[in-house]
Amino acid sequence: MDQPLIIGFIADLMFAVRVEQAASQQGFRIRWVERAAEIAQEENIQQEMQPASSPRRQLAEHLVGPGARLVDMLTREHPALLIFDLGNAEIPWREWIPLLKSVPATRRIPLVCFGSHVDEASLQTAQSSGADAVLARSKFSASMPDLIRRYARVPDYKGMQTACRQPLSALAVRGLEEFNRGEYFEAHETLEEAWNADESPAKELYRAILQVAVAYLQIERGNFRGAVKMFLRLRQWIDPLPSNCRGVDVAQLRLDADAVHAALTSLGAQDISSFDRTQFKPVIYRLEAQPGANAEGEGL
């Protein structure tokens, strides 16, 4: 895996160098966003790189403007930590911090803020908005390595790889069978039970699949906003998984879910009733790790 990412919303280049040095020493790479407009510029670049036939990705209806683009960027890049300079007037952190902490797709991303010790109002606003840590600039500067170690959230990739060599649980197999029969509500319930019963890092496999099940269920129910929110939320669970986990073809599941997401957003909320449900593909899995089993799930 690449080095875990920290995104810093800092415009002071001299201070940014110190933050980057501290991050590098802890094994992190860092990306700077100095102005809100940079996120819009990135979106335009990505759209220009896409084929003309590619549908424009749509976020949940309640997310609009730069905040929506920020959520989309973060769910794609999976930063281990966000650092906000409360003195950066080019970043609307008063809107962004509560947004990021209220959206399920981003609220688990740790968020550390620093600002002038004399600007108590800003420090208090960031704290009440849900930031994980808010410090005066001098204290932040003095404790950067410790703050990064304490707050950065990095998936246990090594543990996940090891746990992914284990077989699927009986509950998980039942949940996959329900999924592949199009019984998405039942699949969600069963896979959630499997997730709760598992204590290994690979339990996130079950959460990822149940998120897809819920997204498909929302489409069936005509809930455009709910489905799009689930696809955004899904990224944090499915992207860190290896391409194959416990016999499940995770790479193909990602492609299938992305294709459904793209097709859904190209239709829009008004035409969701015409969604072609044949695009709901089954989860491909192999039970080769199970004694006496050699079948592939849809299937089988």
C-alpha atoms as a PDB file:
ATOM      1  CA  MET A   1       0.000   0.000   0.000  1.00  0.00           C
ATOM      2  CA  ASP A   2       1.030   3.621  -0.496  1.00  0.00           C
ATOM      3  CA  GLN A   3       1.979   5.718   2.481  1.00  0.00           C
ATOM      4  CA  PRO A   4      -1.141   6.819   4.377  1.00  0.00           C
ATOM      5  CA  LEU A   5      -2.335  10.294   3.483  1.00  0.00           C
ATOM      6  CA  ILE A   6      -2.795  13.420   5.589  1.00  0.00           C
ATOM      7  CA  ILE A   7      -4.628  16.360   4.019  1.00  0.00           C
ATOM      8  CA  GLY A   8      -3.748  19.775   5.412  1.00  0.00           C
ATOM      9  CA  PHE A   9      -5.908  22.844   4.826  1.00  0.00           C
ATOM     10  CA  ILE A  10      -3.039  25.221   5.470  1.00  0.00           C
ATOM     11  CA  ALA A  11      -1.979  28.280   3.486  1.00  0.00           C
ATOM     12  CA  ASP A  12       1.116  29.299   5.494  1.00  0.00           C
ATOM     13  CA  LEU A  13       3.835  27.685   3.385  1.00  0.00           C
ATOM     14  CA  MET A  14       6.578  28.068   5.955  1.00  0.00           C
ATOM     15  CA  PHE A  15       4.494  26.401   8.635  1.00  0.00           C
ATOM     16  CA  ALA A  16       3.322  23.785   6.139  1.00  0.00           C
ATOM     17  CA  VAL A  17       6.918  22.682   5.635  1.00  0.00           C
ATOM     18  CA  ARG A  18       7.194  21.905   9.346  1.00  0.00           C
ATOM     19  CA  VAL A  19       3.957  19.924   9.290  1.00  0.00           C
ATOM     20  CA  GLU A  20       5.117  17.979   6.246  1.00  0.00           C
ATOM     21  CA  GLN A  21       8.422  17.132   7.910  1.00  0.00           C
ATOM     22  CA  ALA A  22       6.633  15.834  11.014  1.00  0.00           C
ATOM     23  CA  ALA A  23       4.231  13.791   8.862  1.00  0.00           C
ATOM     24  CA  SER A  24       7.051  12.316   6.777  1.00  0.00           C
ATOM     25  CA  GLN A  25       8.934  11.260   9.898  1.00  0.00           C
ATOM     26  CA  GLN A  26       5.830   9.340  11.001  1.00  0.00           C
ATOM     27  CA  GLY A  27       5.541   7.586   7.636  1.00  0.00           C
ATOM     28  CA  PHE A  28       2.775   9.728   6.122  1.00  0.00           C
ATOM     29  CA  ARG A  29       2.547  11.657   2.887  1.00  0.00           C
ATOM     30  CA  ILE A  30       0.728  14.964   2.897  1.00  0.00           C
ATOM     31  CA  ARG A  31      -1.406  16.890   0.456  1.00  0.00           C
ATOM     32  CA  TRP A  32      -2.153  20.576   0.778  1.00  0.00           C
ATOM     33  CA  VAL A  33      -5.433  22.312   0.034  1.00  0.00           C
ATOM     34  CA  GLU A  34      -4.815  26.019   0.465  1.00  0.00           C
ATOM     35  CA  ARG A  35      -8.108  27.305  -1.002  1.00  0.00           C
ATOM     36  CA  ALA A  36     -11.596  25.887  -1.424  1.00  0.00           C
ATOM     37  CA  ALA A  37     -11.417  26.668  -5.150  1.00  0.00           C
ATOM     38  CA  GLU A  38      -8.717  24.012  -5.596  1.00  0.00           C
ATOM     39  CA  ILE A  39     -11.259  21.247  -5.026  1.00  0.00           C
ATOM     40  CA  ALA A  40     -13.464  22.571  -7.814  1.00  0.00           C
ATOM     41  CA  GLN A  41     -10.418  22.758 -10.087  1.00  0.00           C
ATOM     42  CA  GLU A  42      -9.590  19.116  -9.321  1.00  0.00           C
ATOM     43  CA  GLU A  43     -13.143  18.070 -10.176  1.00  0.00           C
ATOM     44  CA  ASN A  44     -12.910  19.883 -13.531  1.00  0.00           C
ATOM     45  CA  ILE A  45      -9.621  18.157 -14.325  1.00  0.00           C
ATOM     46  CA  GLN A  46     -11.078  14.743 -13.523  1.00  0.00           C
ATOM     47  CA  GLN A  47     -14.100  15.400 -15.716  1.00  0.00           C
ATOM     48  CA  GLU A  48     -11.863  16.439 -18.600  1.00  0.00           C
ATOM     49  CA  MET A  49      -9.947  13.159 -18.262  1.00  0.00           C
ATOM     50  CA  GLN A  50     -13.136  11.067 -18.374  1.00  0.00           C
ATOM     51  CA  PRO A  51     -14.630   9.854 -21.666  1.00  0.00           C
ATOM     52  CA  ALA A  52     -17.369  12.105 -22.980  1.00  0.00           C
ATOM     53  CA  SER A  53     -19.887   9.314 -22.445  1.00  0.00           C
ATOM     54  CA  SER A  54     -19.105   9.011 -18.722  1.00  0.00           C
ATOM     55  CA  PRO A  55     -21.957  10.240 -16.526  1.00  0.00           C
ATOM     56  CA  ARG A  56     -21.236  13.005 -14.094  1.00  0.00           C
ATOM     57  CA  ARG A  57     -21.087  11.710 -10.544  1.00  0.00           C
ATOM     58  CA  GLN A  58     -23.819  13.025  -8.322  1.00  0.00           C
ATOM     59  CA  LEU A  59     -23.750  13.311  -4.555  1.00  0.00           C
ATOM     60  CA  ALA A  60     -26.627  13.134  -2.144  1.00  0.00           C
ATOM     61  CA  GLU A  61     -29.203  15.839  -2.722  1.00  0.00           C
ATOM     62  CA  HIS A  62     -28.399  17.707   0.482  1.00  0.00           C
ATOM     63  CA  LEU A  63     -24.724  18.092  -0.480  1.00  0.00           C
ATOM     64  CA  VAL A  64     -24.047  20.938  -2.878  1.00  0.00           C
ATOM     65  CA  GLY A  65     -21.194  23.188  -3.923  1.00  0.00           C
ATOM     66  CA  PRO A  66     -17.640  22.967  -2.550  1.00  0.00           C
ATOM     67  CA  GLY A  67     -18.764  20.925   0.450  1.00  0.00           C
ATOM     68  CA  ALA A  68     -20.144  18.217  -1.834  1.00  0.00           C
ATOM     69  CA  ARG A  69     -16.929  18.146  -3.859  1.00  0.00           C
ATOM     70  CA  LEU A  70     -14.924  17.911  -0.636  1.00  0.00           C
ATOM     71  CA  VAL A  71     -16.922  14.883   0.530  1.00  0.00           C
ATOM     72  CA  ASP A  72     -16.443  13.202  -2.837  1.00  0.00           C
ATOM     73  CA  MET A  73     -12.691  13.851  -2.760  1.00  0.00           C
ATOM     74  CA  LEU A  74     -12.265  12.531   0.775  1.00  0.00           C
ATOM     75  CA  THR A  75     -14.252   9.365   0.125  1.00  0.00           C
ATOM     76  CA  ARG A  76     -12.011   8.681  -2.868  1.00  0.00           C
ATOM     77  CA  GLU A  77      -8.680   9.462  -1.225  1.00  0.00           C
ATOM     78  CA  HIS A  78      -9.274   8.012   2.274  1.00  0.00           C
ATOM     79  CA  PRO A  79      -7.037  10.340   4.304  1.00  0.00           C
ATOM     80  CA  ALA A  80      -5.878   9.072   7.677  1.00  0.00           C
ATOM     81  CA  LEU A  81      -6.115  12.575   9.141  1.00  0.00           C
ATOM     82  CA  LEU A  82      -7.322  16.077   8.281  1.00  0.00           C
ATOM     83  CA  ILE A  83      -5.559  19.168   9.637  1.00  0.00           C
ATOM     84  CA  PHE A  84      -7.327  22.534   9.533  1.00  0.00           C
ATOM     85  CA  ASP A  85      -5.657  25.901  10.078  1.00  0.00           C
ATOM     86  CA  LEU A  86      -8.454  27.977  11.590  1.00  0.00           C
ATOM     87  CA  GLY A  87      -6.644  31.101  10.463  1.00  0.00           C
ATOM     88  CA  ASN A  88      -6.906  30.150   6.785  1.00  0.00           C
ATOM     89  CA  ALA A  89      -9.586  32.505   5.480  1.00  0.00           C
ATOM     90  CA  GLU A  90      -9.627  30.704   2.100  1.00  0.00           C
ATOM     91  CA  ILE A  91     -11.153  27.576   3.643  1.00  0.00           C
ATOM     92  CA  PRO A  92     -14.780  27.689   4.908  1.00  0.00           C
ATOM     93  CA  TRP A  93     -13.980  25.458   7.852  1.00  0.00           C
ATOM     94  CA  ARG A  94     -17.006  26.697   9.851  1.00  0.00           C
ATOM     95  CA  GLU A  95     -19.200  24.976   7.252  1.00  0.00           C
ATOM     96  CA  TRP A  96     -16.924  22.102   6.364  1.00  0.00           C
ATOM     97  CA  ILE A  97     -16.122  20.710   9.824  1.00  0.00           C
ATOM     98  CA  PRO A  98     -19.749  20.138  10.910  1.00  0.00           C
ATOM     99  CA  LEU A  99     -20.535  18.832   7.408  1.00  0.00           C
ATOM    100  CA  LEU A 100     -17.732  16.264   7.506  1.00  0.00           C
ATOM    101  CA  LYS A 101     -18.701  15.151  10.994  1.00  0.00           C
ATOM    102  CA  SER A 102     -22.377  14.762  10.088  1.00  0.00           C
ATOM    103  CA  VAL A 103     -22.018  12.819   6.821  1.00  0.00           C
ATOM    104  CA  PRO A 104     -21.654   9.051   7.473  1.00  0.00           C
ATOM    105  CA  ALA A 105     -19.164   8.711   4.619  1.00  0.00           C
ATOM    106  CA  THR A 106     -16.644  11.075   6.282  1.00  0.00           C
ATOM    107  CA  ARG A 107     -17.428  11.387   9.988  1.00  0.00           C
ATOM    108  CA  ARG A 108     -14.900   8.700  10.964  1.00  0.00           C
ATOM    109  CA  ILE A 109     -11.992  10.675   9.486  1.00  0.00           C
ATOM    110  CA  PRO A 110     -10.038  12.245  12.387  1.00  0.00           C
ATOM    111  CA  LEU A 111      -9.896  16.018  12.286  1.00  0.00           C
ATOM    112  CA  VAL A 112      -7.323  18.161  14.121  1.00  0.00           C
ATOM    113  CA  CYS A 113      -7.488  21.977  14.164  1.00  0.00           C
ATOM    114  CA  PHE A 114      -5.131  24.691  15.304  1.00  0.00           C
ATOM    115  CA  GLY A 115      -5.507  28.443  15.543  1.00  0.00           C
ATOM    116  CA  SER A 116      -4.346  31.568  17.297  1.00  0.00           C
ATOM    117  CA  HIS A 117      -4.522  31.340  21.078  1.00  0.00           C
ATOM    118  CA  VAL A 118      -6.110  34.791  21.170  1.00  0.00           C
ATOM    119  CA  ASP A 119      -8.925  33.742  18.829  1.00  0.00           C
ATOM    120  CA  GLU A 120     -10.868  31.812  21.447  1.00  0.00           C
ATOM    121  CA  ALA A 121     -14.121  32.094  19.492  1.00  0.00           C
ATOM    122  CA  SER A 122     -12.709  30.166  16.526  1.00  0.00           C
ATOM    123  CA  LEU A 123     -11.179  27.516  18.758  1.00  0.00           C
ATOM    124  CA  GLN A 124     -14.487  27.010  20.546  1.00  0.00           C
ATOM    125  CA  THR A 125     -16.440  26.920  17.283  1.00  0.00           C
ATOM    126  CA  ALA A 126     -14.198  24.192  15.874  1.00  0.00           C
ATOM    127  CA  GLN A 127     -14.522  22.203  19.093  1.00  0.00           C
ATOM    128  CA  SER A 128     -18.302  22.441  19.169  1.00  0.00           C
ATOM    129  CA  SER A 129     -18.470  21.548  15.463  1.00  0.00           C
ATOM    130  CA  GLY A 130     -17.032  18.113  16.162  1.00  0.00           C
ATOM    131  CA  ALA A 131     -13.274  18.409  15.625  1.00  0.00           C
ATOM    132  CA  ASP A 132     -11.388  15.596  17.351  1.00  0.00           C
ATOM    133  CA  ALA A 133      -8.721  17.964  18.684  1.00  0.00           C
ATOM    134  CA  VAL A 134      -8.435  21.757  18.768  1.00  0.00           C
ATOM    135  CA  LEU A 135      -5.202  23.395  19.887  1.00  0.00           C
ATOM    136  CA  ALA A 136      -3.494  26.738  19.951  1.00  0.00           C
ATOM    137  CA  ARG A 137      -0.971  26.999  17.140  1.00  0.00           C
ATOM    138  CA  SER A 138       2.013  26.949  19.526  1.00  0.00           C
ATOM    139  CA  LYS A 139       0.840  23.759  21.230  1.00  0.00           C
ATOM    140  CA  PHE A 140       0.068  22.116  17.907  1.00  0.00           C
ATOM    141  CA  SER A 141       3.537  23.006  16.639  1.00  0.00           C
ATOM    142  CA  ALA A 142       5.212  21.567  19.720  1.00  0.00           C
ATOM    143  CA  SER A 143       3.311  18.275  19.650  1.00  0.00           C
ATOM    144  CA  MET A 144       2.841  17.488  15.945  1.00  0.00           C
ATOM    145  CA  PRO A 145       4.457  14.005  15.956  1.00  0.00           C
ATOM    146  CA  ASP A 146       2.434  12.924  18.979  1.00  0.00           C
ATOM    147  CA  LEU A 147      -0.795  14.315  17.509  1.00  0.00           C
ATOM    148  CA  ILE A 148      -0.255  12.447  14.256  1.00  0.00           C
ATOM    149  CA  ARG A 149       0.424   9.175  16.073  1.00  0.00           C
ATOM    150  CA  ARG A 150      -2.572   9.675  18.340  1.00  0.00           C
ATOM    151  CA  TYR A 151      -5.225  10.731  15.866  1.00  0.00           C
ATOM    152  CA  ALA A 152      -4.292   9.378  12.424  1.00  0.00           C
ATOM    153  CA  ARG A 153      -6.512   6.455  11.495  1.00  0.00           C
ATOM    154  CA  VAL A 154      -4.765   3.841   9.354  1.00  0.00           C
ATOM    155  CA  PRO A 155      -6.418   0.529   8.428  1.00  0.00           C
ATOM    156  CA  ASP A 156      -4.653  -2.617   9.580  1.00  0.00           C
ATOM    157  CA  TYR A 157      -3.736  -3.735   6.071  1.00  0.00           C
ATOM    158  CA  LYS A 158      -1.367  -6.480   7.228  1.00  0.00           C
ATOM    159  CA  GLY A 159      -3.904  -7.898   9.656  1.00  0.00           C
ATOM    160  CA  MET A 160      -6.587  -7.661   6.999  1.00  0.00           C
ATOM    161  CA  GLN A 161      -4.494  -9.579   4.482  1.00  0.00           C
ATOM    162  CA  THR A 162      -3.929 -12.338   7.028  1.00  0.00           C
ATOM    163  CA  ALA A 163      -7.572 -12.485   8.090  1.00  0.00           C
ATOM    164  CA  CYS A 164      -8.712 -12.534   4.455  1.00  0.00           C
ATOM    165  CA  ARG A 165      -7.073 -15.950   4.081  1.00  0.00           C
ATOM    166  CA  GLN A 166      -9.612 -17.408   6.476  1.00  0.00           C
ATOM    167  CA  PRO A 167     -12.828 -18.981   5.143  1.00  0.00           C
ATOM    168  CA  LEU A 168     -16.166 -17.235   5.054  1.00  0.00           C
ATOM    169  CA  SER A 169     -18.310 -17.812   8.105  1.00  0.00           C
ATOM    170  CA  ALA A 170     -21.506 -19.826   7.729  1.00  0.00           C
ATOM    171  CA  LEU A 171     -23.507 -16.658   8.388  1.00  0.00           C
ATOM    172  CA  ALA A 172     -21.621 -14.810   5.685  1.00  0.00           C
ATOM    173  CA  VAL A 173     -22.269 -17.569   3.162  1.00  0.00           C
ATOM    174  CA  ARG A 174     -25.963 -17.385   3.983  1.00  0.00           C
ATOM    175  CA  GLY A 175     -25.883 -13.621   3.542  1.00  0.00           C
ATOM    176  CA  LEU A 176     -24.176 -13.948   0.158  1.00  0.00           C
ATOM    177  CA  GLU A 177     -26.756 -16.473  -0.967  1.00  0.00           C
ATOM    178  CA  GLU A 178     -29.515 -14.047   0.028  1.00  0.00           C
ATOM    179  CA  PHE A 179     -27.746 -11.221  -1.782  1.00  0.00           C
ATOM    180  CA  ASN A 180     -27.427 -13.288  -4.939  1.00  0.00           C
ATOM    181  CA  ARG A 181     -31.130 -14.124  -4.826  1.00  0.00           C
ATOM    182  CA  GLY A 182     -31.906 -10.412  -4.690  1.00  0.00           C
ATOM    183  CA  GLU A 183     -33.050 -10.596  -1.066  1.00  0.00           C
ATOM    184  CA  TYR A 184     -31.185  -7.449  -0.107  1.00  0.00           C
ATOM    185  CA  PHE A 185     -32.927  -6.682   3.173  1.00  0.00           C
ATOM    186  CA  GLU A 186     -32.340 -10.225   4.417  1.00  0.00           C
ATOM    187  CA  ALA A 187     -28.731 -10.102   3.198  1.00  0.00           C
ATOM    188  CA  HIS A 188     -28.168  -6.913   5.169  1.00  0.00           C
ATOM    189  CA  GLU A 189     -29.527  -8.464   8.356  1.00  0.00           C
ATOM    190  CA  THR A 190     -27.506 -11.670   7.997  1.00  0.00           C
ATOM    191  CA  LEU A 191     -24.250  -9.951   7.023  1.00  0.00           C
ATOM    192  CA  GLU A 192     -24.612  -7.513   9.896  1.00  0.00           C
ATOM    193  CA  GLU A 193     -24.911 -10.486  12.224  1.00  0.00           C
ATOM    194  CA  ALA A 194     -21.795 -11.993  10.628  1.00  0.00           C
ATOM    195  CA  TRP A 195     -19.973  -8.679  11.067  1.00  0.00           C
ATOM    196  CA  ASN A 196     -20.907  -8.459  14.746  1.00  0.00           C
ATOM    197  CA  ALA A 197     -19.706 -12.037  15.334  1.00  0.00           C
ATOM    198  CA  ASP A 198     -16.292 -11.451  13.737  1.00  0.00           C
ATOM    199  CA  GLU A 199     -13.424  -9.819  15.626  1.00  0.00           C
ATOM    200  CA  SER A 200     -10.820  -9.783  12.833  1.00  0.00           C
ATOM    201  CA  PRO A 201      -9.923  -6.887  10.508  1.00  0.00           C
ATOM    202  CA  ALA A 202     -11.522  -8.823   7.634  1.00  0.00           C
ATOM    203  CA  LYS A 203     -14.947  -8.349   9.189  1.00  0.00           C
ATOM    204  CA  GLU A 204     -15.133  -5.186   7.079  1.00  0.00           C
ATOM    205  CA  LEU A 205     -15.711  -7.464   4.087  1.00  0.00           C
ATOM    206  CA  TYR A 206     -19.150  -8.232   5.460  1.00  0.00           C
ATOM    207  CA  ARG A 207     -19.879  -4.583   6.137  1.00  0.00           C
ATOM    208  CA  ALA A 208     -18.872  -3.652   2.586  1.00  0.00           C
ATOM    209  CA  ILE A 209     -21.199  -6.215   1.036  1.00  0.00           C
ATOM    210  CA  LEU A 210     -24.115  -5.256   3.255  1.00  0.00           C
ATOM    211  CA  GLN A 211     -23.608  -1.612   2.258  1.00  0.00           C
ATOM    212  CA  VAL A 212     -23.988  -2.649  -1.392  1.00  0.00           C
ATOM    213  CA  ALA A 213     -27.106  -4.607  -0.452  1.00  0.00           C
ATOM    214  CA  VAL A 214     -28.628  -1.541   1.201  1.00  0.00           C
ATOM    215  CA  ALA A 215     -27.778   0.650  -1.799  1.00  0.00           C
ATOM    216  CA  TYR A 216     -29.528  -1.801  -4.125  1.00  0.00           C
ATOM    217  CA  LEU A 217     -32.486  -2.008  -1.765  1.00  0.00           C
ATOM    218  CA  GLN A 218     -32.794   1.785  -1.761  1.00  0.00           C
ATOM    219  CA  ILE A 219     -32.864   1.774  -5.561  1.00  0.00           C
ATOM    220  CA  GLU A 220     -35.625  -0.822  -5.517  1.00  0.00           C
ATOM    221  CA  ARG A 221     -37.580   1.391  -3.143  1.00  0.00           C
ATOM    222  CA  GLY A 222     -37.085   4.451  -5.340  1.00  0.00           C
ATOM    223  CA  ASN A 223     -34.959   6.263  -2.778  1.00  0.00           C
ATOM    224  CA  PHE A 224     -32.364   8.037  -4.939  1.00  0.00           C
ATOM    225  CA  ARG A 225     -30.865  10.096  -2.136  1.00  0.00           C
ATOM    226  CA  GLY A 226     -30.537   7.099   0.176  1.00  0.00           C
ATOM    227  CA  ALA A 227     -28.886   4.981  -2.513  1.00  0.00           C
ATOM    228  CA  VAL A 228     -26.323   7.629  -3.441  1.00  0.00           C
ATOM    229  CA  LYS A 229     -25.470   8.176   0.218  1.00  0.00           C
ATOM    230  CA  MET A 230     -24.863   4.450   0.622  1.00  0.00           C
ATOM    231  CA  PHE A 231     -22.516   4.344  -2.372  1.00  0.00           C
ATOM    232  CA  LEU A 232     -20.494   7.189  -0.879  1.00  0.00           C
ATOM    233  CA  ARG A 233     -20.459   5.490   2.496  1.00  0.00           C
ATOM    234  CA  LEU A 234     -19.423   2.196   0.913  1.00  0.00           C
ATOM    235  CA  ARG A 235     -16.029   3.487  -0.197  1.00  0.00           C
ATOM    236  CA  GLN A 236     -14.569   3.573   3.314  1.00  0.00           C
ATOM    237  CA  TRP A 237     -15.295  -0.127   3.776  1.00  0.00           C
ATOM    238  CA  ILE A 238     -14.622  -1.635   0.367  1.00  0.00           C
ATOM    239  CA  ASP A 239     -11.603   0.329  -0.853  1.00  0.00           C
ATOM    240  CA  PRO A 240      -9.118  -0.853   1.837  1.00  0.00           C
ATOM    241  CA  LEU A 241      -9.963  -4.516   1.183  1.00  0.00           C
ATOM    242  CA  PRO A 242      -7.635  -6.621  -0.979  1.00  0.00           C
ATOM    243  CA  SER A 243      -8.911  -7.667  -4.398  1.00  0.00           C
ATOM    244  CA  ASN A 244      -9.828 -11.079  -3.009  1.00  0.00           C
ATOM    245  CA  CYS A 245     -10.894 -11.677   0.570  1.00  0.00           C
ATOM    246  CA  ARG A 246     -12.140 -14.971   1.982  1.00  0.00           C
ATOM    247  CA  GLY A 247     -12.856 -16.159  -1.517  1.00  0.00           C
ATOM    248  CA  VAL A 248     -14.929 -13.099  -2.429  1.00  0.00           C
ATOM    249  CA  ASP A 249     -13.961 -11.307  -5.641  1.00  0.00           C
ATOM    250  CA  VAL A 250     -13.817  -7.846  -4.076  1.00  0.00           C
ATOM    251  CA  ALA A 251     -12.330  -6.261  -7.189  1.00  0.00           C
ATOM    252  CA  GLN A 252     -15.336  -7.333  -9.247  1.00  0.00           C
ATOM    253  CA  LEU A 253     -17.749  -6.214  -6.535  1.00  0.00           C
ATOM    254  CA  ARG A 254     -16.163  -2.740  -6.624  1.00  0.00           C
ATOM    255  CA  LEU A 255     -16.586  -2.586 -10.387  1.00  0.00           C
ATOM    256  CA  ASP A 256     -20.188  -3.769 -10.197  1.00  0.00           C
ATOM    257  CA  ALA A 257     -21.114  -1.288  -7.466  1.00  0.00           C
ATOM    258  CA  ASP A 258     -19.395   1.567  -9.326  1.00  0.00           C
ATOM    259  CA  ALA A 259     -21.298   0.674 -12.492  1.00  0.00           C
ATOM    260  CA  VAL A 260     -24.621   0.736 -10.648  1.00  0.00           C
ATOM    261  CA  HIS A 261     -23.701   4.032  -8.990  1.00  0.00           C
ATOM    262  CA  ALA A 262     -22.814   5.578 -12.356  1.00  0.00           C
ATOM    263  CA  ALA A 263     -25.985   4.284 -13.997  1.00  0.00           C
ATOM    264  CA  LEU A 264     -28.091   5.582 -11.110  1.00  0.00           C
ATOM    265  CA  THR A 265     -26.616   9.074 -11.159  1.00  0.00           C
ATOM    266  CA  SER A 266     -26.953   9.277 -14.930  1.00  0.00           C
ATOM    267  CA  LEU A 267     -30.683   8.641 -14.520  1.00  0.00           C
ATOM    268  CA  GLY A 268     -31.201  11.057 -11.645  1.00  0.00           C
ATOM    269  CA  ALA A 269     -33.853  11.037  -8.948  1.00  0.00           C
ATOM    270  CA  GLN A 270     -36.783  11.625 -11.283  1.00  0.00           C
ATOM    271  CA  ASP A 271     -36.118   8.523 -13.394  1.00  0.00           C
ATOM    272  CA  ILE A 272     -35.055   6.065 -10.704  1.00  0.00           C
ATOM    273  CA  SER A 273     -38.186   3.981 -11.304  1.00  0.00           C
ATOM    274  CA  SER A 274     -36.815   3.057 -14.729  1.00  0.00           C
ATOM    275  CA  PHE A 275     -33.511   1.759 -13.381  1.00  0.00           C
ATOM    276  CA  ASP A 276     -32.510  -1.506 -15.062  1.00  0.00           C
ATOM    277  CA  ARG A 277     -32.208  -3.944 -12.179  1.00  0.00           C
ATOM    278  CA  THR A 278     -30.387  -6.494 -14.300  1.00  0.00           C
ATOM    279  CA  GLN A 279     -27.357  -4.334 -13.480  1.00  0.00           C
ATOM    280  CA  PHE A 280     -27.489  -5.741  -9.936  1.00  0.00           C
ATOM    281  CA  LYS A 281     -24.810  -8.396 -10.327  1.00  0.00           C
ATOM    282  CA  PRO A 282     -24.306 -11.282  -7.875  1.00  0.00           C
ATOM    283  CA  VAL A 283     -21.302 -11.431  -5.580  1.00  0.00           C
ATOM    284  CA  ILE A 284     -18.724 -13.852  -6.970  1.00  0.00           C
ATOM    285  CA  TYR A 285     -17.171 -16.004  -4.282  1.00  0.00           C
ATOM    286  CA  ARG A 286     -15.363 -19.311  -3.957  1.00  0.00           C
ATOM    287  CA  LEU A 287     -15.683 -21.704  -1.057  1.00  0.00           C
ATOM    288  CA  GLU A 288     -12.371 -23.425  -1.764  1.00  0.00           C
ATOM    289  CA  ALA A 289     -11.194 -22.746   1.795  1.00  0.00           C
ATOM    290  CA  GLN A 290     -14.151 -24.708   3.157  1.00  0.00           C
ATOM    291  CA  PRO A 291     -13.557 -28.448   3.647  1.00  0.00           C
ATOM    292  CA  GLY A 292     -15.330 -30.460   0.966  1.00  0.00           C
ATOM    293  CA  ALA A 293     -16.473 -27.412  -1.013  1.00  0.00           C
ATOM    294  CA  ASN A 294     -15.241 -26.423  -4.440  1.00  0.00           C
ATOM    295  CA  ALA A 295     -18.066 -24.320  -5.800  1.00  0.00           C
ATOM    296  CA  GLU A 296     -18.134 -20.711  -6.813  1.00  0.00           C
ATOM    297  CA  GLY A 297     -20.955 -18.534  -5.626  1.00  0.00           C
ATOM    298  CA  GLU A 298     -22.887 -17.017  -8.120  1.00  0.00           C
ATOM    299  CA  GLY A 299     -22.774 -18.232  -8.005  1.00  0.00           C
ATOM    300  CA  LEU A 300     -22.514 -21.690  -7.603  1.00  0.00           C
END
